[in-house]
Amino acid sequence: MPRPKDDLKERLTRYHQIKISVIGRKSGKTISIPVWFVLEDETLYLLPVQGSETQWYKNVVTKPMIRIDARGVEAEFPAKPVTDAKAVKSVVEKFREKYGANEVKKYYSKFDVAVVAEIG
């Protein structure tokens, strides 16, 4: 019987977009948004489209948990905001590798933060 974690990882290897849910820092409501991601081993990397100005990122800073929905397989994980410039640059490179530099340039406007979640 496959464990849900294995099922989630399997889906994450196939998909280019997932839905994440965070708790609104002011409203307290759950907010869901589709995002791109990079999965390496047990680590999920997220890059907020408008960097530190992205609303879901601000929510993660206040309440560092995210719920991941990979087309029906859901799980919740602690999320760690990343602000170190070198670490953020590394995440940006992973995104460029997966999605292409032009696509990343087209959709992302600020590269000052990232988010990391250990799913293992």
PDB file of N, CA and C in Angstrom:
ATOM      1  N   MET A   1       0.848  -1.192   0.000  1.00  0.00           N
ATOM      2  CA  MET A   1       0.000   0.000   0.000  1.00  0.00           C
ATOM      3  C   MET A   1       0.890   1.252   0.000  1.00  0.00           C
ATOM      4  N   PRO A   2       0.803   2.098  -1.015  1.00  0.00           N
ATOM      5  CA  PRO A   2       1.672   3.280  -1.039  1.00  0.00           C
ATOM      6  C   PRO A   2       1.281   4.285   0.042  1.00  0.00           C
ATOM      7  N   ARG A   3       2.287   4.896   0.627  1.00  0.00           N
ATOM      8  CA  ARG A   3       2.029   5.908   1.645  1.00  0.00           C
ATOM      9  C   ARG A   3       1.682   7.214   0.939  1.00  0.00           C
ATOM     10  N   PRO A   4       0.840   8.052   1.573  1.00  0.00           N
ATOM     11  CA  PRO A   4       0.460   9.318   0.945  1.00  0.00           C
ATOM     12  C   PRO A   4       1.661  10.178   0.561  1.00  0.00           C
ATOM     13  N   LYS A   5       2.714  10.134   1.395  1.00  0.00           N
ATOM     14  CA  LYS A   5       3.911  10.927   1.109  1.00  0.00           C
ATOM     15  C   LYS A   5       4.540  10.479  -0.220  1.00  0.00           C
ATOM     16  N   ASP A   6       4.590   9.160  -0.433  1.00  0.00           N
ATOM     17  CA  ASP A   6       5.152   8.628  -1.675  1.00  0.00           C
ATOM     18  C   ASP A   6       4.298   9.052  -2.864  1.00  0.00           C
ATOM     19  N   ASP A   7       2.981   9.013  -2.670  1.00  0.00           N
ATOM     20  CA  ASP A   7       2.056   9.409  -3.717  1.00  0.00           C
ATOM     21  C   ASP A   7       2.246  10.893  -4.057  1.00  0.00           C
ATOM     22  N   LEU A   8       2.423  11.708  -3.031  1.00  0.00           N
ATOM     23  CA  LEU A   8       2.644  13.141  -3.241  1.00  0.00           C
ATOM     24  C   LEU A   8       3.943  13.354  -4.012  1.00  0.00           C
ATOM     25  N   LYS A   9       5.009  12.710  -3.579  1.00  0.00           N
ATOM     26  CA  LYS A   9       6.299  12.864  -4.263  1.00  0.00           C
ATOM     27  C   LYS A   9       6.199  12.431  -5.723  1.00  0.00           C
ATOM     28  N   GLU A  10       5.498  11.336  -5.942  1.00  0.00           N
ATOM     29  CA  GLU A  10       5.338  10.822  -7.308  1.00  0.00           C
ATOM     30  C   GLU A  10       4.636  11.863  -8.181  1.00  0.00           C
ATOM     31  N   ARG A  11       3.601  12.476  -7.642  1.00  0.00           N
ATOM     32  CA  ARG A  11       2.888  13.513  -8.395  1.00  0.00           C
ATOM     33  C   ARG A  11       3.759  14.745  -8.606  1.00  0.00           C
ATOM     34  N   LEU A  12       4.515  15.115  -7.590  1.00  0.00           N
ATOM     35  CA  LEU A  12       5.376  16.291  -7.711  1.00  0.00           C
ATOM     36  C   LEU A  12       6.429  16.111  -8.799  1.00  0.00           C
ATOM     37  N   THR A  13       6.833  14.871  -9.042  1.00  0.00           N
ATOM     38  CA  THR A  13       7.821  14.640 -10.100  1.00  0.00           C
ATOM     39  C   THR A  13       7.192  14.774 -11.486  1.00  0.00           C
ATOM     40  N   ARG A  14       5.876  14.655 -11.566  1.00  0.00           N
ATOM     41  CA  ARG A  14       5.207  14.715 -12.876  1.00  0.00           C
ATOM     42  C   ARG A  14       4.639  16.077 -13.225  1.00  0.00           C
ATOM     43  N   TYR A  15       4.306  16.866 -12.229  1.00  0.00           N
ATOM     44  CA  TYR A  15       3.597  18.120 -12.492  1.00  0.00           C
ATOM     45  C   TYR A  15       4.518  19.336 -12.481  1.00  0.00           C
ATOM     46  N   HIS A  16       4.070  20.388 -13.140  1.00  0.00           N
ATOM     47  CA  HIS A  16       4.826  21.639 -13.190  1.00  0.00           C
ATOM     48  C   HIS A  16       4.216  22.701 -12.296  1.00  0.00           C
ATOM     49  N   GLN A  17       3.000  22.434 -11.815  1.00  0.00           N
ATOM     50  CA  GLN A  17       2.315  23.417 -10.987  1.00  0.00           C
ATOM     51  C   GLN A  17       1.542  22.692  -9.897  1.00  0.00           C
ATOM     52  N   ILE A  18       1.541  23.277  -8.703  1.00  0.00           N
ATOM     53  CA  ILE A  18       0.759  22.748  -7.598  1.00  0.00           C
ATOM     54  C   ILE A  18      -0.043  23.892  -7.013  1.00  0.00           C
ATOM     55  N   LYS A  19      -0.952  23.532  -6.127  1.00  0.00           N
ATOM     56  CA  LYS A  19      -1.686  24.564  -5.416  1.00  0.00           C
ATOM     57  C   LYS A  19      -1.157  24.555  -3.981  1.00  0.00           C
ATOM     58  N   ILE A  20      -0.841  25.751  -3.473  1.00  0.00           N
ATOM     59  CA  ILE A  20      -0.460  25.824  -2.066  1.00  0.00           C
ATOM     60  C   ILE A  20      -1.532  26.618  -1.333  1.00  0.00           C
ATOM     61  N   SER A  21      -1.688  26.290  -0.064  1.00  0.00           N
ATOM     62  CA  SER A  21      -2.620  27.026   0.780  1.00  0.00           C
ATOM     63  C   SER A  21      -1.855  27.537   1.989  1.00  0.00           C
ATOM     64  N   VAL A  22      -2.112  28.788   2.317  1.00  0.00           N
ATOM     65  CA  VAL A  22      -1.506  29.415   3.488  1.00  0.00           C
ATOM     66  C   VAL A  22      -2.618  30.074   4.293  1.00  0.00           C
ATOM     67  N   ILE A  23      -2.310  30.390   5.538  1.00  0.00           N
ATOM     68  CA  ILE A  23      -3.288  31.071   6.389  1.00  0.00           C
ATOM     69  C   ILE A  23      -3.036  32.573   6.303  1.00  0.00           C
ATOM     70  N   GLY A  24      -4.082  33.322   5.963  1.00  0.00           N
ATOM     71  CA  GLY A  24      -3.961  34.773   5.843  1.00  0.00           C
ATOM     72  C   GLY A  24      -3.541  35.397   7.160  1.00  0.00           C
ATOM     73  N   ARG A  25      -2.504  36.227   7.133  1.00  0.00           N
ATOM     74  CA  ARG A  25      -1.970  36.814   8.368  1.00  0.00           C
ATOM     75  C   ARG A  25      -2.939  37.800   9.000  1.00  0.00           C
ATOM     76  N   LYS A  26      -3.822  38.391   8.197  1.00  0.00           N
ATOM     77  CA  LYS A  26      -4.796  39.343   8.747  1.00  0.00           C
ATOM     78  C   LYS A  26      -6.174  38.696   8.861  1.00  0.00           C
ATOM     79  N   SER A  27      -6.574  37.979   7.815  1.00  0.00           N
ATOM     80  CA  SER A  27      -7.930  37.416   7.788  1.00  0.00           C
ATOM     81  C   SER A  27      -8.055  36.127   8.587  1.00  0.00           C
ATOM     82  N   GLY A  28      -6.935  35.381   8.704  1.00  0.00           N
ATOM     83  CA  GLY A  28      -6.992  34.081   9.362  1.00  0.00           C
ATOM     84  C   GLY A  28      -7.618  33.020   8.481  1.00  0.00           C
ATOM     85  N   LYS A  29      -7.992  33.401   7.256  1.00  0.00           N
ATOM     86  CA  LYS A  29      -8.624  32.465   6.323  1.00  0.00           C
ATOM     87  C   LYS A  29      -7.561  31.729   5.507  1.00  0.00           C
ATOM     88  N   THR A  30      -7.951  30.553   5.011  1.00  0.00           N
ATOM     89  CA  THR A  30      -7.061  29.799   4.144  1.00  0.00           C
ATOM     90  C   THR A  30      -7.112  30.395   2.746  1.00  0.00           C
ATOM     91  N   ILE A  31      -5.933  30.654   2.194  1.00  0.00           N
ATOM     92  CA  ILE A  31      -5.811  31.237   0.854  1.00  0.00           C
ATOM     93  C   ILE A  31      -5.058  30.240  -0.011  1.00  0.00           C
ATOM     94  N   SER A  32      -5.640  29.884  -1.158  1.00  0.00           N
ATOM     95  CA  SER A  32      -4.994  28.927  -2.065  1.00  0.00           C
ATOM     96  C   SER A  32      -4.570  29.636  -3.339  1.00  0.00           C
ATOM     97  N   ILE A  33      -3.409  29.219  -3.858  1.00  0.00           N
ATOM     98  CA  ILE A  33      -2.881  29.837  -5.064  1.00  0.00           C
ATOM     99  C   ILE A  33      -2.049  28.815  -5.839  1.00  0.00           C
ATOM    100  N   PRO A  34      -2.180  28.808  -7.175  1.00  0.00           N
ATOM    101  CA  PRO A  34      -1.332  27.909  -7.963  1.00  0.00           C
ATOM    102  C   PRO A  34       0.088  28.485  -8.046  1.00  0.00           C
ATOM    103  N   VAL A  35       1.088  27.632  -7.894  1.00  0.00           N
ATOM    104  CA  VAL A  35       2.481  28.072  -7.962  1.00  0.00           C
ATOM    105  C   VAL A  35       3.340  27.052  -8.710  1.00  0.00           C
ATOM    106  N   TRP A  36       4.441  27.546  -9.220  1.00  0.00           N
ATOM    107  CA  TRP A  36       5.484  26.664  -9.748  1.00  0.00           C
ATOM    108  C   TRP A  36       6.355  26.238  -8.575  1.00  0.00           C
ATOM    109  N   PHE A  37       7.086  25.153  -8.763  1.00  0.00           N
ATOM    110  CA  PHE A  37       7.923  24.626  -7.682  1.00  0.00           C
ATOM    111  C   PHE A  37       9.059  23.817  -8.280  1.00  0.00           C
ATOM    112  N   VAL A  38      10.059  23.540  -7.455  1.00  0.00           N
ATOM    113  CA  VAL A  38      11.120  22.604  -7.820  1.00  0.00           C
ATOM    114  C   VAL A  38      11.243  21.624  -6.665  1.00  0.00           C
ATOM    115  N   LEU A  39      11.282  20.337  -6.993  1.00  0.00           N
ATOM    116  CA  LEU A  39      11.465  19.293  -5.988  1.00  0.00           C
ATOM    117  C   LEU A  39      12.829  18.653  -6.200  1.00  0.00           C
ATOM    118  N   GLU A  40      13.626  18.632  -5.143  1.00  0.00           N
ATOM    119  CA  GLU A  40      14.903  17.912  -5.167  1.00  0.00           C
ATOM    120  C   GLU A  40      14.947  17.031  -3.937  1.00  0.00           C
ATOM    121  N   ASP A  41      14.986  15.725  -4.160  1.00  0.00           N
ATOM    122  CA  ASP A  41      14.954  14.754  -3.067  1.00  0.00           C
ATOM    123  C   ASP A  41      13.734  15.020  -2.183  1.00  0.00           C
ATOM    124  N   GLU A  42      13.951  15.428  -0.943  1.00  0.00           N
ATOM    125  CA  GLU A  42      12.842  15.651  -0.003  1.00  0.00           C
ATOM    126  C   GLU A  42      12.547  17.142   0.171  1.00  0.00           C
ATOM    127  N   THR A  43      13.184  17.986  -0.640  1.00  0.00           N
ATOM    128  CA  THR A  43      13.055  19.431  -0.458  1.00  0.00           C
ATOM    129  C   THR A  43      12.245  20.061  -1.580  1.00  0.00           C
ATOM    130  N   LEU A  44      11.245  20.823  -1.191  1.00  0.00           N
ATOM    131  CA  LEU A  44      10.397  21.539  -2.137  1.00  0.00           C
ATOM    132  C   LEU A  44      10.790  23.019  -2.090  1.00  0.00           C
ATOM    133  N   TYR A  45      11.110  23.571  -3.258  1.00  0.00           N
ATOM    134  CA  TYR A  45      11.505  24.970  -3.350  1.00  0.00           C
ATOM    135  C   TYR A  45      10.386  25.769  -4.010  1.00  0.00           C
ATOM    136  N   LEU A  46      10.048  26.897  -3.406  1.00  0.00           N
ATOM    137  CA  LEU A  46       9.026  27.786  -3.947  1.00  0.00           C
ATOM    138  C   LEU A  46       9.636  29.165  -4.117  1.00  0.00           C
ATOM    139  N   LEU A  47       9.229  29.839  -5.180  1.00  0.00           N
ATOM    140  CA  LEU A  47       9.745  31.174  -5.465  1.00  0.00           C
ATOM    141  C   LEU A  47       8.555  32.117  -5.628  1.00  0.00           C
ATOM    142  N   PRO A  48       8.368  33.036  -4.678  1.00  0.00           N
ATOM    143  CA  PRO A  48       7.245  33.980  -4.797  1.00  0.00           C
ATOM    144  C   PRO A  48       7.427  34.883  -6.022  1.00  0.00           C
ATOM    145  N   VAL A  49       6.379  35.042  -6.809  1.00  0.00           N
ATOM    146  CA  VAL A  49       6.444  35.778  -8.068  1.00  0.00           C
ATOM    147  C   VAL A  49       6.925  37.219  -7.888  1.00  0.00           C
ATOM    148  N   GLN A  50       6.467  37.876  -6.836  1.00  0.00           N
ATOM    149  CA  GLN A  50       6.898  39.256  -6.581  1.00  0.00           C
ATOM    150  C   GLN A  50       7.812  39.325  -5.364  1.00  0.00           C
ATOM    151  N   GLY A  51       8.582  38.264  -5.164  1.00  0.00           N
ATOM    152  CA  GLY A  51       9.523  38.236  -4.052  1.00  0.00           C
ATOM    153  C   GLY A  51       8.860  38.517  -2.728  1.00  0.00           C
ATOM    154  N   SER A  52       9.518  39.324  -1.903  1.00  0.00           N
ATOM    155  CA  SER A  52       9.040  39.590  -0.545  1.00  0.00           C
ATOM    156  C   SER A  52       7.738  40.385  -0.521  1.00  0.00           C
ATOM    157  N   GLU A  53       7.314  40.906  -1.664  1.00  0.00           N
ATOM    158  CA  GLU A  53       6.047  41.643  -1.723  1.00  0.00           C
ATOM    159  C   GLU A  53       4.852  40.723  -2.007  1.00  0.00           C
ATOM    160  N   THR A  54       5.126  39.461  -2.301  1.00  0.00           N
ATOM    161  CA  THR A  54       4.067  38.490  -2.599  1.00  0.00           C
ATOM    162  C   THR A  54       3.254  38.206  -1.337  1.00  0.00           C
ATOM    163  N   GLN A  55       1.927  38.280  -1.466  1.00  0.00           N
ATOM    164  CA  GLN A  55       1.057  38.111  -0.300  1.00  0.00           C
ATOM    165  C   GLN A  55       1.220  36.749   0.366  1.00  0.00           C
ATOM    166  N   TRP A  56       1.253  35.664  -0.417  1.00  0.00           N
ATOM    167  CA  TRP A  56       1.348  34.352   0.234  1.00  0.00           C
ATOM    168  C   TRP A  56       2.676  34.211   0.969  1.00  0.00           C
ATOM    169  N   TYR A  57       3.730  34.845   0.457  1.00  0.00           N
ATOM    170  CA  TYR A  57       5.026  34.805   1.154  1.00  0.00           C
ATOM    171  C   TYR A  57       4.926  35.508   2.513  1.00  0.00           C
ATOM    172  N   LYS A  58       4.292  36.678   2.523  1.00  0.00           N
ATOM    173  CA  LYS A  58       4.120  37.420   3.781  1.00  0.00           C
ATOM    174  C   LYS A  58       3.343  36.573   4.796  1.00  0.00           C
ATOM    175  N   ASN A  59       2.377  35.811   4.307  1.00  0.00           N
ATOM    176  CA  ASN A  59       1.598  34.930   5.184  1.00  0.00           C
ATOM    177  C   ASN A  59       2.470  33.810   5.750  1.00  0.00           C
ATOM    178  N   VAL A  60       3.362  33.261   4.923  1.00  0.00           N
ATOM    179  CA  VAL A  60       4.258  32.189   5.378  1.00  0.00           C
ATOM    180  C   VAL A  60       5.222  32.717   6.449  1.00  0.00           C
ATOM    181  N   VAL A  61       5.664  33.951   6.299  1.00  0.00           N
ATOM    182  CA  VAL A  61       6.563  34.546   7.297  1.00  0.00           C
ATOM    183  C   VAL A  61       5.851  34.599   8.651  1.00  0.00           C
ATOM    184  N   THR A  62       4.567  34.976   8.626  1.00  0.00           N
ATOM    185  CA  THR A  62       3.784  35.086   9.863  1.00  0.00           C
ATOM    186  C   THR A  62       3.410  33.717  10.422  1.00  0.00           C
ATOM    187  N   LYS A  63       3.000  32.814   9.532  1.00  0.00           N
ATOM    188  CA  LYS A  63       2.576  31.461   9.938  1.00  0.00           C
ATOM    189  C   LYS A  63       3.269  30.461   9.016  1.00  0.00           C
ATOM    190  N   PRO A  64       4.430  29.943   9.445  1.00  0.00           N
ATOM    191  CA  PRO A  64       5.262  29.139   8.537  1.00  0.00           C
ATOM    192  C   PRO A  64       4.785  27.698   8.285  1.00  0.00           C
ATOM    193  N   MET A  65       3.578  27.593   7.738  1.00  0.00           N
ATOM    194  CA  MET A  65       3.043  26.283   7.328  1.00  0.00           C
ATOM    195  C   MET A  65       2.437  26.448   5.937  1.00  0.00           C
ATOM    196  N   ILE A  66       2.602  25.441   5.098  1.00  0.00           N
ATOM    197  CA  ILE A  66       1.899  25.451   3.812  1.00  0.00           C
ATOM    198  C   ILE A  66       1.249  24.096   3.592  1.00  0.00           C
ATOM    199  N   ARG A  67       0.097  24.130   2.945  1.00  0.00           N
ATOM    200  CA  ARG A  67      -0.577  22.907   2.523  1.00  0.00           C
ATOM    201  C   ARG A  67      -0.359  22.804   1.026  1.00  0.00           C
ATOM    202  N   ILE A  68       0.077  21.637   0.607  1.00  0.00           N
ATOM    203  CA  ILE A  68       0.348  21.401  -0.812  1.00  0.00           C
ATOM    204  C   ILE A  68      -0.748  20.512  -1.368  1.00  0.00           C
ATOM    205  N   ASP A  69      -1.259  20.874  -2.528  1.00  0.00           N
ATOM    206  CA  ASP A  69      -2.247  20.056  -3.215  1.00  0.00           C
ATOM    207  C   ASP A  69      -1.706  19.764  -4.612  1.00  0.00           C
ATOM    208  N   ALA A  70      -1.286  18.515  -4.807  1.00  0.00           N
ATOM    209  CA  ALA A  70      -0.787  18.083  -6.117  1.00  0.00           C
ATOM    210  C   ALA A  70      -1.898  17.270  -6.775  1.00  0.00           C
ATOM    211  N   ARG A  71      -2.856  17.973  -7.333  1.00  0.00           N
ATOM    212  CA  ARG A  71      -4.016  17.373  -8.004  1.00  0.00           C
ATOM    213  C   ARG A  71      -4.691  16.290  -7.178  1.00  0.00           C
ATOM    214  N   GLY A  72      -5.080  16.684  -5.977  1.00  0.00           N
ATOM    215  CA  GLY A  72      -5.866  15.762  -5.159  1.00  0.00           C
ATOM    216  C   GLY A  72      -5.110  15.098  -4.027  1.00  0.00           C
ATOM    217  N   VAL A  73      -3.786  15.043  -4.103  1.00  0.00           N
ATOM    218  CA  VAL A  73      -3.013  14.499  -2.990  1.00  0.00           C
ATOM    219  C   VAL A  73      -2.519  15.689  -2.185  1.00  0.00           C
ATOM    220  N   GLU A  74      -2.968  15.768  -0.924  1.00  0.00           N
ATOM    221  CA  GLU A  74      -2.649  16.932  -0.108  1.00  0.00           C
ATOM    222  C   GLU A  74      -1.823  16.551   1.108  1.00  0.00           C
ATOM    223  N   ALA A  75      -0.999  17.496   1.537  1.00  0.00           N
ATOM    224  CA  ALA A  75      -0.212  17.312   2.759  1.00  0.00           C
ATOM    225  C   ALA A  75       0.202  18.685   3.260  1.00  0.00           C
ATOM    226  N   GLU A  76       0.458  18.760   4.552  1.00  0.00           N
ATOM    227  CA  GLU A  76       0.854  20.033   5.148  1.00  0.00           C
ATOM    228  C   GLU A  76       2.276  19.915   5.686  1.00  0.00           C
ATOM    229  N   PHE A  77       3.060  20.976   5.486  1.00  0.00           N
ATOM    230  CA  PHE A  77       4.455  20.958   5.906  1.00  0.00           C
ATOM    231  C   PHE A  77       4.858  22.308   6.483  1.00  0.00           C
ATOM    232  N   PRO A  78       5.833  22.283   7.406  1.00  0.00           N
ATOM    233  CA  PRO A  78       6.407  23.552   7.850  1.00  0.00           C
ATOM    234  C   PRO A  78       7.140  24.184   6.661  1.00  0.00           C
ATOM    235  N   ALA A  79       7.054  25.493   6.542  1.00  0.00           N
ATOM    236  CA  ALA A  79       7.702  26.204   5.441  1.00  0.00           C
ATOM    237  C   ALA A  79       8.715  27.186   6.026  1.00  0.00           C
ATOM    238  N   LYS A  80       9.870  27.248   5.395  1.00  0.00           N
ATOM    239  CA  LYS A  80      10.916  28.122   5.911  1.00  0.00           C
ATOM    240  C   LYS A  80      11.212  29.230   4.908  1.00  0.00           C
ATOM    241  N   PRO A  81      10.956  30.490   5.282  1.00  0.00           N
ATOM    242  CA  PRO A  81      11.328  31.600   4.402  1.00  0.00           C
ATOM    243  C   PRO A  81      12.858  31.663   4.264  1.00  0.00           C
ATOM    244  N   VAL A  82      13.322  31.911   3.055  1.00  0.00           N
ATOM    245  CA  VAL A  82      14.757  32.011   2.789  1.00  0.00           C
ATOM    246  C   VAL A  82      15.049  33.440   2.346  1.00  0.00           C
ATOM    247  N   THR A  83      15.949  34.098   3.055  1.00  0.00           N
ATOM    248  CA  THR A  83      16.267  35.484   2.710  1.00  0.00           C
ATOM    249  C   THR A  83      17.743  35.670   2.353  1.00  0.00           C
ATOM    250  N   ASP A  84      18.564  34.666   2.634  1.00  0.00           N
ATOM    251  CA  ASP A  84      19.980  34.750   2.305  1.00  0.00           C
ATOM    252  C   ASP A  84      20.149  34.837   0.787  1.00  0.00           C
ATOM    253  N   ALA A  85      20.840  35.868   0.321  1.00  0.00           N
ATOM    254  CA  ALA A  85      20.944  36.142  -1.116  1.00  0.00           C
ATOM    255  C   ALA A  85      21.510  34.962  -1.909  1.00  0.00           C
ATOM    256  N   LYS A  86      22.509  34.295  -1.362  1.00  0.00           N
ATOM    257  CA  LYS A  86      23.131  33.169  -2.070  1.00  0.00           C
ATOM    258  C   LYS A  86      22.158  31.989  -2.180  1.00  0.00           C
ATOM    259  N   ALA A  87      21.437  31.737  -1.098  1.00  0.00           N
ATOM    260  CA  ALA A  87      20.466  30.636  -1.084  1.00  0.00           C
ATOM    261  C   ALA A  87      19.317  30.933  -2.047  1.00  0.00           C
ATOM    262  N   VAL A  88      18.853  32.185  -2.073  1.00  0.00           N
ATOM    263  CA  VAL A  88      17.768  32.571  -2.984  1.00  0.00           C
ATOM    264  C   VAL A  88      18.235  32.416  -4.431  1.00  0.00           C
ATOM    265  N   LYS A  89      19.449  32.851  -4.717  1.00  0.00           N
ATOM    266  CA  LYS A  89      20.001  32.741  -6.072  1.00  0.00           C
ATOM    267  C   LYS A  89      20.028  31.275  -6.524  1.00  0.00           C
ATOM    268  N   SER A  90      20.359  30.391  -5.611  1.00  0.00           N
ATOM    269  CA  SER A  90      20.383  28.962  -5.900  1.00  0.00           C
ATOM    270  C   SER A  90      18.988  28.460  -6.287  1.00  0.00           C
ATOM    271  N   VAL A  91      17.952  28.928  -5.572  1.00  0.00           N
ATOM    272  CA  VAL A  91      16.571  28.533  -5.881  1.00  0.00           C
ATOM    273  C   VAL A  91      16.169  29.098  -7.248  1.00  0.00           C
ATOM    274  N   VAL A  92      16.526  30.340  -7.521  1.00  0.00           N
ATOM    275  CA  VAL A  92      16.219  30.967  -8.813  1.00  0.00           C
ATOM    276  C   VAL A  92      16.841  30.144  -9.941  1.00  0.00           C
ATOM    277  N   GLU A  93      18.078  29.691  -9.747  1.00  0.00           N
ATOM    278  CA  GLU A  93      18.755  28.862 -10.763  1.00  0.00           C
ATOM    279  C   GLU A  93      17.997  27.554 -10.986  1.00  0.00           C
ATOM    280  N   LYS A  94      17.501  26.950  -9.914  1.00  0.00           N
ATOM    281  CA  LYS A  94      16.729  25.698 -10.036  1.00  0.00           C
ATOM    282  C   LYS A  94      15.466  25.949 -10.866  1.00  0.00           C
ATOM    283  N   PHE A  95      14.818  27.080 -10.640  1.00  0.00           N
ATOM    284  CA  PHE A  95      13.612  27.424 -11.399  1.00  0.00           C
ATOM    285  C   PHE A  95      13.951  27.654 -12.864  1.00  0.00           C
ATOM    286  N   ARG A  96      15.057  28.341 -13.132  1.00  0.00           N
ATOM    287  CA  ARG A  96      15.467  28.587 -14.528  1.00  0.00           C
ATOM    288  C   ARG A  96      15.754  27.282 -15.237  1.00  0.00           C
ATOM    289  N   GLU A  97      16.349  26.342 -14.508  1.00  0.00           N
ATOM    290  CA  GLU A  97      16.665  25.034 -15.078  1.00  0.00           C
ATOM    291  C   GLU A  97      15.390  24.265 -15.435  1.00  0.00           C
ATOM    292  N   LYS A  98      14.416  24.300 -14.544  1.00  0.00           N
ATOM    293  CA  LYS A  98      13.178  23.530 -14.746  1.00  0.00           C
ATOM    294  C   LYS A  98      12.244  24.190 -15.758  1.00  0.00           C
ATOM    295  N   TYR A  99      12.055  25.503 -15.642  1.00  0.00           N
ATOM    296  CA  TYR A  99      11.037  26.186 -16.444  1.00  0.00           C
ATOM    297  C   TYR A  99      11.595  26.987 -17.614  1.00  0.00           C
ATOM    298  N   GLY A 100      12.909  27.203 -17.617  1.00  0.00           N
ATOM    299  CA  GLY A 100      13.521  28.013 -18.671  1.00  0.00           C
ATOM    300  C   GLY A 100      13.686  29.459 -18.209  1.00  0.00           C
ATOM    301  N   ALA A 101      14.844  30.029 -18.489  1.00  0.00           N
ATOM    302  CA  ALA A 101      15.165  31.385 -18.032  1.00  0.00           C
ATOM    303  C   ALA A 101      14.156  32.411 -18.545  1.00  0.00           C
ATOM    304  N   ASN A 102      13.707  32.263 -19.802  1.00  0.00           N
ATOM    305  CA  ASN A 102      12.756  33.233 -20.367  1.00  0.00           C
ATOM    306  C   ASN A 102      11.412  33.207 -19.655  1.00  0.00           C
ATOM    307  N   GLU A 103      10.935  32.010 -19.311  1.00  0.00           N
ATOM    308  CA  GLU A 103       9.655  31.886 -18.606  1.00  0.00           C
ATOM    309  C   GLU A 103       9.762  32.503 -17.210  1.00  0.00           C
ATOM    310  N   VAL A 104      10.852  32.218 -16.521  1.00  0.00           N
ATOM    311  CA  VAL A 104      11.050  32.769 -15.183  1.00  0.00           C
ATOM    312  C   VAL A 104      11.109  34.292 -15.261  1.00  0.00           C
ATOM    313  N   LYS A 105      11.816  34.797 -16.259  1.00  0.00           N
ATOM    314  CA  LYS A 105      11.935  36.251 -16.442  1.00  0.00           C
ATOM    315  C   LYS A 105      10.569  36.876 -16.742  1.00  0.00           C
ATOM    316  N   LYS A 106       9.750  36.136 -17.489  1.00  0.00           N
ATOM    317  CA  LYS A 106       8.434  36.637 -17.895  1.00  0.00           C
ATOM    318  C   LYS A 106       7.481  36.784 -16.698  1.00  0.00           C
ATOM    319  N   TYR A 107       7.531  35.825 -15.764  1.00  0.00           N
ATOM    320  CA  TYR A 107       6.541  35.789 -14.687  1.00  0.00           C
ATOM    321  C   TYR A 107       7.027  36.312 -13.346  1.00  0.00           C
ATOM    322  N   TYR A 108       8.315  36.261 -13.111  1.00  0.00           N
ATOM    323  CA  TYR A 108       8.852  36.646 -11.803  1.00  0.00           C
ATOM    324  C   TYR A 108       9.501  38.018 -11.885  1.00  0.00           C
ATOM    325  N   SER A 109       9.169  38.890 -10.910  1.00  0.00           N
ATOM    326  CA  SER A 109       9.653  40.267 -11.000  1.00  0.00           C
ATOM    327  C   SER A 109      10.681  40.632  -9.933  1.00  0.00           C
ATOM    328  N   LYS A 110      10.777  39.822  -8.883  1.00  0.00           N
ATOM    329  CA  LYS A 110      11.694  40.170  -7.799  1.00  0.00           C
ATOM    330  C   LYS A 110      12.283  38.887  -7.217  1.00  0.00           C
ATOM    331  N   PHE A 111      13.597  38.878  -7.042  1.00  0.00           N
ATOM    332  CA  PHE A 111      14.270  37.657  -6.587  1.00  0.00           C
ATOM    333  C   PHE A 111      14.998  37.890  -5.266  1.00  0.00           C
ATOM    334  N   ASP A 112      14.256  38.295  -4.228  1.00  0.00           N
ATOM    335  CA  ASP A 112      14.903  38.576  -2.949  1.00  0.00           C
ATOM    336  C   ASP A 112      14.614  37.540  -1.862  1.00  0.00           C
ATOM    337  N   VAL A 113      13.642  36.648  -2.117  1.00  0.00           N
ATOM    338  CA  VAL A 113      13.299  35.623  -1.128  1.00  0.00           C
ATOM    339  C   VAL A 113      12.863  34.331  -1.833  1.00  0.00           C
ATOM    340  N   ALA A 114      12.836  33.260  -1.058  1.00  0.00           N
ATOM    341  CA  ALA A 114      12.305  31.980  -1.534  1.00  0.00           C
ATOM    342  C   ALA A 114      11.701  31.286  -0.309  1.00  0.00           C
ATOM    343  N   VAL A 115      11.078  30.132  -0.535  1.00  0.00           N
ATOM    344  CA  VAL A 115      10.513  29.342   0.554  1.00  0.00           C
ATOM    345  C   VAL A 115      10.929  27.904   0.342  1.00  0.00           C
ATOM    346  N   VAL A 116      11.298  27.235   1.434  1.00  0.00           N
ATOM    347  CA  VAL A 116      11.722  25.844   1.368  1.00  0.00           C
ATOM    348  C   VAL A 116      10.847  25.035   2.331  1.00  0.00           C
ATOM    349  N   ALA A 117      10.417  23.861   1.873  1.00  0.00           N
ATOM    350  CA  ALA A 117       9.672  22.940   2.736  1.00  0.00           C
ATOM    351  C   ALA A 117      10.279  21.556   2.608  1.00  0.00           C
ATOM    352  N   GLU A 118      10.543  20.941   3.735  1.00  0.00           N
ATOM    353  CA  GLU A 118      11.046  19.556   3.743  1.00  0.00           C
ATOM    354  C   GLU A 118       9.831  18.633   3.766  1.00  0.00           C
ATOM    355  N   ILE A 119       9.689  17.813   2.725  1.00  0.00           N
ATOM    356  CA  ILE A 119       8.491  16.963   2.646  1.00  0.00           C
ATOM    357  C   ILE A 119       8.803  15.520   3.021  1.00  0.00           C
ATOM    358  N   GLY A 120      10.034  15.266   3.443  1.00  0.00           N
ATOM    359  CA  GLY A 120      10.428  13.899   3.756  1.00  0.00           C
ATOM    360  C   GLY A 120      10.362  13.569   5.213  1.00  0.00           C
TER     361      GLY A 120
END
